[in-house]
Amino acid sequence: MLLEKKHVLEFLPKVENIRAARERLKGVVTHTPLMEDVNLSNRYGAHIFLKREDLQVVRSYKIRGAYNKMSTMKLQDLDRGVVCASAGNHAQGVAYSCQKLGVKGTIFMPNPTSKQKVNQVRMFGKEQVEVVIIGDTFDDSYAEALSFADKHNASFIHPFDDPMVIEGQGTVGLEILEDTVTPIDFLFIPIGGGGLASGVASLFKQLSPQTKIIGVEPLGAPAMKESLDQGQLVTLEKIDKFVDGAAVKRVGDLTFQICKEVVDDMVLVPEGAVCSTILKLYNEEAIVVEPAGALSIAALRYYQQQIKGKHVVCVVSGNNNDITRTEEIKERSMLFEGLKHYFIVRFPQRAGALREFLEHVLGPHDDITHFEYSKKTNREEGPALVGIEIQKPENFESLLERMRERKFAFKYLNENRDLFQYLI
C-alpha cells in the first residue's frame, strides 16, 4: 500500500519545479492580484478572495503553462513549429508565447469559438501564428491538431495534460500563498481538462495541506467528476459547450491521476447559475468574466454553510467573453432563476381570447417576452408559443392556477429539454 502511494506521488508536480517555472515566467506574465470581494464576503458571511487571472496579459492563466512548456523545449523542436488545439484561452497563451519566442505556430480552434477569441489569438500571435477553425468541439479540433502535428513533424503543445504546462499553471498557487497572511480554508478551482487544478492543488497539498480543494465543473460537461466517481477515465458522449473554457469530453490522463490525489471535492454548477454569476459580477462589481471564469464563484452558493466565517479563495480563470453572447447569458440566467417560462398555449379561436389571457391570466407584473401564433382555420383551437417573464419565482404557481381557471390548455416547455431546445 505504501509503495502504491509513493508511486502515485511521483505524478505530483514538485514545489521546486513550480518555483523554477515562476522564474521563467518573470517579465512574461503578470503577478495578478488577490482581492477580497466585499459583496461576496457579505453575501456568504465569509472572507471571499478572488485570484484575478482575468487581469492576466492574455486575460487568462493559460499563458503560464504555454510559455513554461515552450521556453523549456529544445531549439530544434521549436524550429519545426508548434501546434495546439484550444477553445480560446490556451490558443492565446500559445500565440503570445510564439510571438515572444519567435516561433511559428498553427492553432486549431472549434467552430463555436467566439470571434472575439479568434481575433485575440491573431492579435497576440501576429505574423507568427496561423489559425485553423475546424470541428464542433475542442475534442474535434484536438484530433485535427494531433494529425497536423504528426504530418508536419511539429511539436504539439497540450492545453493541460503535460507536466511543464501543469507546473506553469501551478504558479497561480505560489502567488496566492505569497499574497495572503491568513491560512486559506477553501480553494475553489475551475476544471476543464484539469491542468490548473493539478498544478495549484498539488502545490497547496504540499505547502498548505489544511486547505480544502474544491474542483468546479459545469453541469453539462462533468468529465472530471464522472472519472473520479468511476475511478477511471471517462469519455463523455455529449456535452453542453456553453462554458467553452471548461467543456471537454475527456480530461487528461496525467491530470486525472493528479486530481484523484489532490482534489478534496467536486461540485457541478448549472450553466444557468454561471450566467447569473456573470451578470452579478458585471452589475455589482464591474468585473467582466467568461463563463469558465465565473465557475468558481458560482460554486459558492452550493457551499454556503461550509464556508461561513472561513477564508476562501476563488480562482477567476479568465475574461475572454464575447458581447454577442449577452442575450443568451441573460436568457439562461432567467430560466435558471425561475423568472422566465415557456408554454405552448392553445387559444380558442374566438374574438377576445388573447385579450382574456392578457387581462385575467397574466399577473400585474408579468410580461410576455415571446409570442408565436398560427391560426388554424379548420380547427377550434390555435397553438401559440408563449414566453412569460415573472418578477418573482414564487409567482409561477399562481400563473398556472389562473391558466387552469380560465380553461387555457397548455404544455409547459421548460422541463421538456429536447422540445425546449428545438423551439426556443
Protein backbone atom coordinates (compact mmCIF):
# COMPACT_ATOMS: atom_id res chain seq x y z
CA MET A 1 0.00 0.00 0.00
CA LEU A 2 2.85 2.37 0.88
CA LEU A 3 4.55 1.54 -2.40
CA GLU A 4 1.37 2.32 -4.30
CA LYS A 5 1.08 5.70 -2.56
CA LYS A 6 4.71 6.53 -3.31
CA HIS A 7 4.17 5.64 -6.96
CA VAL A 8 1.14 7.92 -7.12
CA LEU A 9 3.02 10.84 -5.52
CA GLU A 10 5.57 10.68 -8.33
CA PHE A 11 2.88 12.17 -10.55
CA LEU A 12 2.56 15.30 -8.42
CA PRO A 13 4.38 18.45 -9.58
CA LYS A 14 7.20 19.30 -7.20
CA VAL A 15 7.29 22.66 -5.42
CA GLU A 16 10.80 23.37 -6.69
CA ASN A 17 9.69 22.77 -10.29
CA ILE A 18 6.81 25.22 -9.91
CA ARG A 19 9.19 27.77 -8.41
CA ALA A 20 11.52 27.26 -11.37
CA ALA A 21 8.57 27.85 -13.70
CA ARG A 22 7.87 31.16 -11.98
CA GLU A 23 11.45 32.29 -12.71
CA ARG A 24 10.95 31.52 -16.41
CA LEU A 25 7.70 33.47 -16.44
CA LYS A 26 9.16 36.66 -14.97
CA GLY A 27 8.67 39.53 -17.38
CA VAL A 28 6.15 37.50 -19.39
CA VAL A 29 3.15 37.04 -17.10
CA THR A 30 1.51 39.43 -14.66
CA HIS A 31 1.51 38.69 -10.94
CA THR A 32 -2.27 39.07 -10.72
CA PRO A 33 -3.92 40.49 -7.59
CA LEU A 34 -5.62 38.53 -4.82
CA MET A 35 -8.54 40.79 -3.91
CA GLU A 36 -11.13 40.49 -1.17
CA ASP A 37 -14.63 40.90 -2.60
CA VAL A 38 -16.79 42.81 -0.13
CA ASN A 39 -20.12 41.96 -1.79
CA LEU A 40 -19.41 38.24 -1.89
CA SER A 41 -17.99 38.27 1.63
CA ASN A 42 -21.14 39.93 2.96
CA ARG A 43 -23.43 37.65 0.97
CA TYR A 44 -21.86 34.43 2.26
CA GLY A 45 -20.71 35.56 5.70
CA ALA A 46 -17.13 34.64 4.85
CA HIS A 47 -13.88 36.21 3.71
CA ILE A 48 -14.00 35.70 -0.07
CA PHE A 49 -10.90 36.50 -2.09
CA LEU A 50 -10.69 36.46 -5.88
CA LYS A 51 -7.48 35.48 -7.66
CA ARG A 52 -7.86 37.73 -10.68
CA GLU A 53 -6.37 35.75 -13.56
CA ASP A 54 -8.86 37.64 -15.74
CA LEU A 55 -6.35 40.52 -15.44
CA GLN A 56 -3.53 38.42 -16.90
CA VAL A 57 -1.73 39.70 -20.00
CA VAL A 58 -3.80 37.40 -22.26
CA ARG A 59 -6.79 37.70 -19.91
CA SER A 60 -6.46 34.14 -18.60
CA TYR A 61 -3.98 31.95 -16.72
CA LYS A 62 -3.22 29.84 -19.81
CA ILE A 63 -0.14 31.86 -20.76
CA ARG A 64 1.62 30.41 -17.72
CA GLY A 65 1.54 26.79 -18.86
CA ALA A 66 2.06 27.52 -22.55
CA TYR A 67 5.12 29.71 -22.06
CA ASN A 68 6.64 27.44 -19.42
CA LYS A 69 6.35 24.48 -21.78
CA MET A 70 7.71 26.26 -24.86
CA SER A 71 10.57 28.00 -23.03
CA THR A 72 11.94 24.61 -21.92
CA MET A 73 11.78 22.94 -25.34
CA LYS A 74 14.87 22.24 -27.46
CA LEU A 75 15.60 24.77 -30.18
CA GLN A 76 15.43 22.12 -32.92
CA ASP A 77 11.92 21.21 -31.77
CA LEU A 78 10.81 24.85 -31.73
CA ASP A 79 12.28 25.37 -35.20
CA ARG A 80 9.85 22.79 -36.60
CA GLY A 81 6.98 24.88 -35.29
CA VAL A 82 4.36 24.22 -32.64
CA VAL A 83 0.72 23.16 -32.85
CA CYS A 84 -2.13 23.41 -30.37
CA ALA A 85 -5.89 22.97 -30.08
CA SER A 86 -7.98 25.29 -27.96
CA ALA A 87 -11.41 26.84 -27.47
CA GLY A 88 -9.68 30.15 -26.94
CA ASN A 89 -7.57 30.78 -23.86
CA HIS A 90 -4.82 28.20 -24.41
CA ALA A 91 -4.67 29.39 -28.02
CA GLN A 92 -4.00 32.94 -26.85
CA GLY A 93 -1.32 31.73 -24.46
CA VAL A 94 0.42 29.75 -27.21
CA ALA A 95 0.05 32.63 -29.68
CA TYR A 96 1.59 35.11 -27.23
CA SER A 97 4.41 32.66 -26.47
CA CYS A 98 5.07 32.18 -30.20
CA GLN A 99 5.33 35.92 -30.66
CA LYS A 100 7.63 36.32 -27.63
CA LEU A 101 9.90 33.42 -28.58
CA GLY A 102 9.83 33.94 -32.35
CA VAL A 103 8.29 30.51 -33.02
CA LYS A 104 5.88 29.59 -35.81
CA GLY A 105 2.59 28.20 -34.55
CA THR A 106 -0.54 26.61 -36.02
CA ILE A 107 -3.60 26.86 -33.80
CA PHE A 108 -6.74 24.78 -34.25
CA MET A 109 -9.97 26.18 -32.80
CA PRO A 110 -13.53 24.73 -32.89
CA ASN A 111 -16.27 26.48 -34.87
CA PRO A 112 -18.31 27.65 -31.84
CA THR A 113 -15.34 29.70 -30.56
CA SER A 114 -16.31 33.36 -30.30
CA LYS A 115 -14.95 35.76 -32.92
CA GLN A 116 -13.53 37.82 -30.09
CA LYS A 117 -11.28 34.94 -29.01
CA VAL A 118 -10.21 34.14 -32.57
CA ASN A 119 -9.30 37.78 -33.17
CA GLN A 120 -7.36 37.90 -29.91
CA VAL A 121 -5.32 34.86 -30.95
CA ARG A 122 -4.39 36.51 -34.22
CA MET A 123 -3.57 39.76 -32.43
CA PHE A 124 -1.28 38.13 -29.84
CA GLY A 125 0.43 35.87 -32.35
CA LYS A 126 0.84 38.43 -35.13
CA GLU A 127 2.73 37.02 -38.13
CA GLN A 128 3.98 34.02 -36.12
CA VAL A 129 0.62 32.25 -35.96
CA GLU A 130 -1.88 30.66 -38.36
CA VAL A 131 -5.40 29.96 -37.05
CA VAL A 132 -7.39 27.00 -38.38
CA ILE A 133 -11.11 26.89 -37.49
CA ILE A 134 -12.40 23.32 -37.61
CA GLY A 135 -14.73 20.92 -35.75
CA ASP A 136 -17.71 21.41 -33.44
CA THR A 137 -15.93 20.85 -30.11
CA PHE A 138 -12.50 21.14 -28.57
CA ASP A 139 -12.11 17.38 -28.99
CA ASP A 140 -12.67 17.68 -32.77
CA SER A 141 -10.02 20.40 -33.05
CA TYR A 142 -7.72 18.39 -30.81
CA ALA A 143 -7.85 15.40 -33.17
CA GLU A 144 -7.13 17.60 -36.18
CA ALA A 145 -4.22 19.29 -34.40
CA LEU A 146 -2.63 15.95 -33.50
CA SER A 147 -2.95 14.79 -37.09
CA PHE A 148 -1.36 18.01 -38.35
CA ALA A 149 1.50 17.75 -35.84
CA ASP A 150 2.23 14.18 -36.88
CA LYS A 151 2.10 15.01 -40.59
CA HIS A 152 4.39 18.06 -40.32
CA ASN A 153 6.64 16.75 -37.52
CA ALA A 154 5.67 19.74 -35.38
CA SER A 155 5.59 19.89 -31.57
CA PHE A 156 2.14 19.64 -30.01
CA ILE A 157 1.55 21.94 -27.03
CA HIS A 158 -1.09 20.22 -24.95
CA PRO A 159 -3.56 22.55 -23.20
CA PHE A 160 -3.47 20.62 -19.93
CA ASP A 161 -2.02 17.10 -19.98
CA ASP A 162 1.69 17.94 -19.85
CA PRO A 163 3.98 18.20 -16.78
CA MET A 164 5.52 21.51 -17.87
CA VAL A 165 2.11 23.03 -18.62
CA ILE A 166 0.82 21.87 -15.23
CA GLU A 167 3.85 23.33 -13.45
CA GLY A 168 3.32 26.63 -15.23
CA GLN A 169 -0.29 26.76 -14.11
CA GLY A 170 0.86 25.90 -10.60
CA THR A 171 2.50 29.34 -10.34
CA VAL A 172 -1.02 30.70 -9.73
CA GLY A 173 -0.88 28.88 -6.41
CA LEU A 174 2.51 30.34 -5.48
CA GLU A 175 1.15 33.85 -5.93
CA ILE A 176 -1.95 33.11 -3.84
CA LEU A 177 0.14 31.81 -0.94
CA GLU A 178 2.54 34.74 -1.15
CA ASP A 179 -0.27 37.31 -1.13
CA THR A 180 -2.26 36.04 1.85
CA VAL A 181 -1.32 36.35 5.51
CA THR A 182 -4.22 34.21 6.75
CA PRO A 183 -4.45 30.44 6.24
CA ILE A 184 -6.88 29.56 3.45
CA ASP A 185 -9.71 27.23 4.42
CA PHE A 186 -11.24 26.63 0.97
CA LEU A 187 -9.85 27.00 -2.55
CA PHE A 188 -12.30 26.79 -5.47
CA ILE A 189 -10.68 25.95 -8.81
CA PRO A 190 -12.43 25.64 -12.19
CA ILE A 191 -11.73 22.39 -14.03
CA GLY A 192 -11.85 21.78 -17.75
CA GLY A 193 -9.05 19.43 -18.72
CA GLY A 194 -7.58 19.67 -15.23
CA GLY A 195 -4.24 21.43 -15.79
CA LEU A 196 -4.89 24.39 -13.48
CA ALA A 197 -6.30 22.23 -10.69
CA SER A 198 -3.44 19.74 -10.99
CA GLY A 199 -0.77 22.41 -10.64
CA VAL A 200 -2.37 24.62 -7.99
CA ALA A 201 -3.88 21.86 -5.85
CA SER A 202 -0.62 19.88 -5.85
CA LEU A 203 1.24 22.93 -4.59
CA PHE A 204 -1.34 23.54 -1.85
CA LYS A 205 -1.23 19.93 -0.72
CA GLN A 206 2.49 20.39 -0.10
CA LEU A 207 2.54 23.95 1.29
CA SER A 208 -0.98 24.42 2.69
CA PRO A 209 -2.33 20.91 3.36
CA GLN A 210 -5.16 22.16 5.60
CA THR A 211 -6.83 23.93 2.65
CA LYS A 212 -9.85 22.11 1.20
CA ILE A 213 -9.54 21.96 -2.59
CA ILE A 214 -12.88 22.14 -4.42
CA GLY A 215 -12.87 21.41 -8.14
CA VAL A 216 -15.68 23.07 -10.10
CA GLU A 217 -17.10 21.84 -13.42
CA PRO A 218 -20.11 22.89 -15.50
CA LEU A 219 -23.08 20.57 -15.07
CA GLY A 220 -23.20 19.93 -18.81
CA ALA A 221 -19.58 18.77 -19.05
CA PRO A 222 -18.67 16.76 -15.91
CA ALA A 223 -15.72 14.86 -17.35
CA MET A 224 -13.52 15.01 -14.24
CA LYS A 225 -16.29 14.27 -11.73
CA GLU A 226 -17.51 11.28 -13.75
CA SER A 227 -13.96 9.98 -13.99
CA LEU A 228 -13.31 10.41 -10.27
CA ASP A 229 -16.64 8.83 -9.36
CA GLN A 230 -15.95 5.80 -11.54
CA GLY A 231 -12.28 5.54 -10.63
CA GLN A 232 -11.20 5.58 -14.26
CA LEU A 233 -11.00 7.98 -17.19
CA VAL A 234 -14.41 8.53 -18.75
CA THR A 235 -15.11 9.98 -22.18
CA LEU A 236 -18.46 11.77 -22.25
CA GLU A 237 -20.63 11.18 -25.31
CA LYS A 238 -22.30 14.61 -25.26
CA ILE A 239 -21.50 17.87 -23.52
CA ASP A 240 -23.04 21.32 -23.20
CA LYS A 241 -20.48 23.58 -24.87
CA PHE A 242 -21.72 26.82 -23.31
CA VAL A 243 -18.92 27.04 -20.72
CA ASP A 244 -16.46 26.68 -23.56
CA GLY A 245 -13.31 27.25 -21.50
CA ALA A 246 -14.15 24.24 -19.32
CA ALA A 247 -16.16 21.95 -21.58
CA VAL A 248 -14.22 18.85 -22.61
CA LYS A 249 -15.41 15.30 -23.19
CA ARG A 250 -12.31 13.80 -21.62
CA VAL A 251 -9.80 15.13 -19.10
CA GLY A 252 -6.11 14.32 -19.29
CA ASP A 253 -4.50 11.01 -18.31
CA LEU A 254 -1.99 12.82 -16.11
CA THR A 255 -4.41 15.42 -14.74
CA PHE A 256 -6.85 12.68 -13.76
CA GLN A 257 -4.15 10.86 -11.81
CA ILE A 258 -3.12 14.06 -10.04
CA CYS A 259 -6.62 15.35 -9.29
CA LYS A 260 -7.53 11.95 -7.87
CA GLU A 261 -4.94 12.63 -5.15
CA VAL A 262 -5.23 16.38 -4.54
CA VAL A 263 -8.86 17.43 -5.10
CA ASP A 264 -10.97 17.02 -1.95
CA ASP A 265 -14.40 17.52 -3.50
CA MET A 266 -16.08 18.20 -6.83
CA VAL A 267 -19.13 20.36 -7.49
CA LEU A 268 -21.14 20.67 -10.69
CA VAL A 269 -22.58 24.12 -11.40
CA PRO A 270 -25.59 24.51 -13.74
CA GLU A 271 -24.90 26.71 -16.74
CA GLY A 272 -27.75 28.98 -15.67
CA ALA A 273 -26.06 29.61 -12.31
CA VAL A 274 -22.88 30.51 -14.18
CA CYS A 275 -24.86 33.05 -16.21
CA SER A 276 -26.41 34.58 -13.08
CA THR A 277 -22.92 34.94 -11.63
CA ILE A 278 -21.61 36.63 -14.78
CA LEU A 279 -24.42 39.19 -14.63
CA LYS A 280 -23.99 39.87 -10.91
CA LEU A 281 -20.25 40.34 -11.25
CA TYR A 282 -20.82 42.84 -14.05
CA ASN A 283 -23.68 44.72 -12.40
CA GLU A 284 -22.30 44.77 -8.85
CA GLU A 285 -18.53 44.74 -9.36
CA ALA A 286 -17.96 45.95 -12.94
CA ILE A 287 -15.99 42.70 -13.41
CA VAL A 288 -16.28 41.04 -16.82
CA VAL A 289 -15.69 37.29 -16.89
CA GLU A 290 -16.22 34.48 -19.36
CA PRO A 291 -18.39 31.50 -18.34
CA ALA A 292 -15.40 29.42 -17.20
CA GLY A 293 -14.14 32.42 -15.25
CA ALA A 294 -17.38 32.55 -13.26
CA LEU A 295 -17.39 28.85 -12.30
CA SER A 296 -15.52 29.10 -9.00
CA ILE A 297 -17.66 32.00 -7.75
CA ALA A 298 -20.90 30.35 -8.91
CA ALA A 299 -19.96 27.31 -6.80
CA LEU A 300 -20.10 29.31 -3.58
CA ARG A 301 -23.90 29.08 -3.42
CA TYR A 302 -23.55 25.31 -3.03
CA TYR A 303 -21.15 25.65 -0.07
CA GLN A 304 -22.90 28.40 1.89
CA GLN A 305 -22.96 26.53 5.18
CA GLN A 306 -19.44 25.12 4.97
CA ILE A 307 -17.71 28.42 4.17
CA LYS A 308 -19.39 30.65 6.78
CA GLY A 309 -16.71 32.53 8.71
CA LYS A 310 -13.96 30.90 6.62
CA HIS A 311 -11.21 32.31 4.40
CA VAL A 312 -12.00 31.34 0.83
CA VAL A 313 -10.18 31.87 -2.47
CA CYS A 314 -11.87 31.58 -5.87
CA VAL A 315 -9.68 31.45 -8.97
CA VAL A 316 -11.21 33.69 -11.64
CA SER A 317 -9.66 31.97 -14.63
CA GLY A 318 -10.36 34.39 -17.48
CA ASN A 319 -12.47 37.14 -19.03
CA ASN A 320 -12.38 36.38 -22.73
CA ASN A 321 -16.10 36.83 -23.25
CA ASP A 322 -17.94 37.91 -26.38
CA ILE A 323 -20.55 40.66 -26.03
CA THR A 324 -22.72 38.92 -28.64
CA ARG A 325 -23.39 36.21 -26.01
CA THR A 326 -25.06 38.66 -23.63
CA GLU A 327 -28.64 37.84 -24.64
CA GLU A 328 -28.03 34.11 -24.28
CA ILE A 329 -26.44 34.69 -20.87
CA LYS A 330 -29.45 36.72 -19.72
CA GLU A 331 -31.87 34.10 -21.04
CA ARG A 332 -30.09 31.19 -19.35
CA SER A 333 -29.89 33.12 -16.10
CA MET A 334 -33.60 33.96 -16.04
CA LEU A 335 -34.56 30.38 -16.82
CA PHE A 336 -32.32 29.10 -14.03
CA GLU A 337 -33.65 31.62 -11.52
CA GLY A 338 -37.25 30.67 -12.36
CA LEU A 339 -38.11 34.07 -13.82
CA LYS A 340 -38.83 33.04 -17.40
CA HIS A 341 -41.21 30.33 -18.54
CA TYR A 342 -42.24 28.99 -21.93
CA PHE A 343 -45.54 27.35 -22.82
CA ILE A 344 -47.46 26.07 -25.80
CA VAL A 345 -50.89 27.56 -25.18
CA ARG A 346 -53.99 26.55 -27.17
CA PHE A 347 -56.08 29.66 -27.64
CA PRO A 348 -59.78 29.22 -28.51
CA GLN A 349 -60.30 30.66 -31.98
CA ARG A 350 -62.78 33.29 -30.98
CA ALA A 351 -62.59 37.03 -30.66
CA GLY A 352 -61.23 38.20 -27.32
CA ALA A 353 -59.35 35.02 -26.34
CA LEU A 354 -55.96 36.71 -26.35
CA ARG A 355 -57.34 39.76 -24.52
CA GLU A 356 -58.76 37.45 -21.85
CA PHE A 357 -55.35 35.84 -21.44
CA LEU A 358 -53.65 39.23 -21.07
CA GLU A 359 -56.21 40.67 -18.65
CA HIS A 360 -57.10 37.67 -16.49
CA VAL A 361 -54.16 35.25 -16.67
CA LEU A 362 -51.08 37.47 -16.57
CA GLY A 363 -50.26 38.99 -13.20
CA PRO A 364 -49.82 42.76 -12.80
CA HIS A 365 -46.04 42.48 -13.12
CA ASP A 366 -45.87 39.62 -15.64
CA ASP A 367 -44.70 40.29 -19.17
CA ILE A 368 -44.95 38.40 -22.46
CA THR A 369 -41.47 38.35 -23.99
CA HIS A 370 -42.08 35.81 -26.75
CA PHE A 371 -45.20 35.10 -28.79
CA GLU A 372 -45.64 32.96 -31.92
CA TYR A 373 -49.17 32.18 -33.06
CA SER A 374 -50.51 30.19 -36.02
CA LYS A 375 -54.25 30.31 -36.72
CA LYS A 376 -55.73 27.01 -37.90
CA THR A 377 -58.97 27.85 -39.74
CA ASN A 378 -60.15 24.24 -39.78
CA ARG A 379 -59.71 23.73 -36.03
CA GLU A 380 -61.34 25.10 -32.95
CA GLU A 381 -58.08 25.96 -31.25
CA GLY A 382 -54.83 27.66 -32.32
CA PRO A 383 -51.49 26.85 -30.64
CA ALA A 384 -49.14 29.65 -29.62
CA LEU A 385 -45.60 29.55 -28.28
CA VAL A 386 -45.58 31.97 -25.35
CA GLY A 387 -42.66 33.17 -23.24
CA ILE A 388 -43.62 34.83 -19.95
CA GLU A 389 -41.31 36.75 -17.62
CA ILE A 390 -42.36 36.97 -13.98
CA GLN A 391 -40.99 39.22 -11.26
CA LYS A 392 -40.51 36.58 -8.54
CA PRO A 393 -40.14 32.77 -8.76
CA GLU A 394 -42.99 32.31 -6.26
CA ASN A 395 -45.42 33.94 -8.74
CA PHE A 396 -45.20 30.92 -11.04
CA GLU A 397 -47.76 28.68 -9.32
CA SER A 398 -50.42 31.40 -9.28
CA LEU A 399 -49.83 31.94 -13.02
CA LEU A 400 -50.52 28.25 -13.64
CA GLU A 401 -53.64 28.38 -11.48
CA ARG A 402 -55.08 31.28 -13.47
CA MET A 403 -54.41 29.47 -16.76
CA ARG A 404 -56.33 26.43 -15.49
CA GLU A 405 -59.20 28.52 -14.08
CA ARG A 406 -59.69 30.25 -17.44
CA LYS A 407 -59.61 26.90 -19.29
CA PHE A 408 -56.50 27.62 -21.34
CA ALA A 409 -54.95 24.30 -22.36
CA PHE A 410 -51.16 24.48 -22.16
CA LYS A 411 -47.95 22.48 -22.21
CA TYR A 412 -45.05 23.67 -20.04
CA LEU A 413 -41.79 23.57 -22.02
CA ASN A 414 -39.02 24.42 -19.56
CA GLU A 415 -38.99 20.87 -18.18
CA ASN A 416 -39.07 19.24 -21.63
CA ARG A 417 -35.40 19.76 -22.53
CA ASP A 418 -35.47 18.31 -26.06
CA LEU A 419 -38.61 20.14 -27.15
CA PHE A 420 -37.50 23.32 -25.39
CA GLN A 421 -34.13 23.41 -27.18
CA TYR A 422 -35.82 22.75 -30.51
CA LEU A 423 -38.38 25.56 -30.18
CA ILE A 424 -36.55 28.27 -28.24
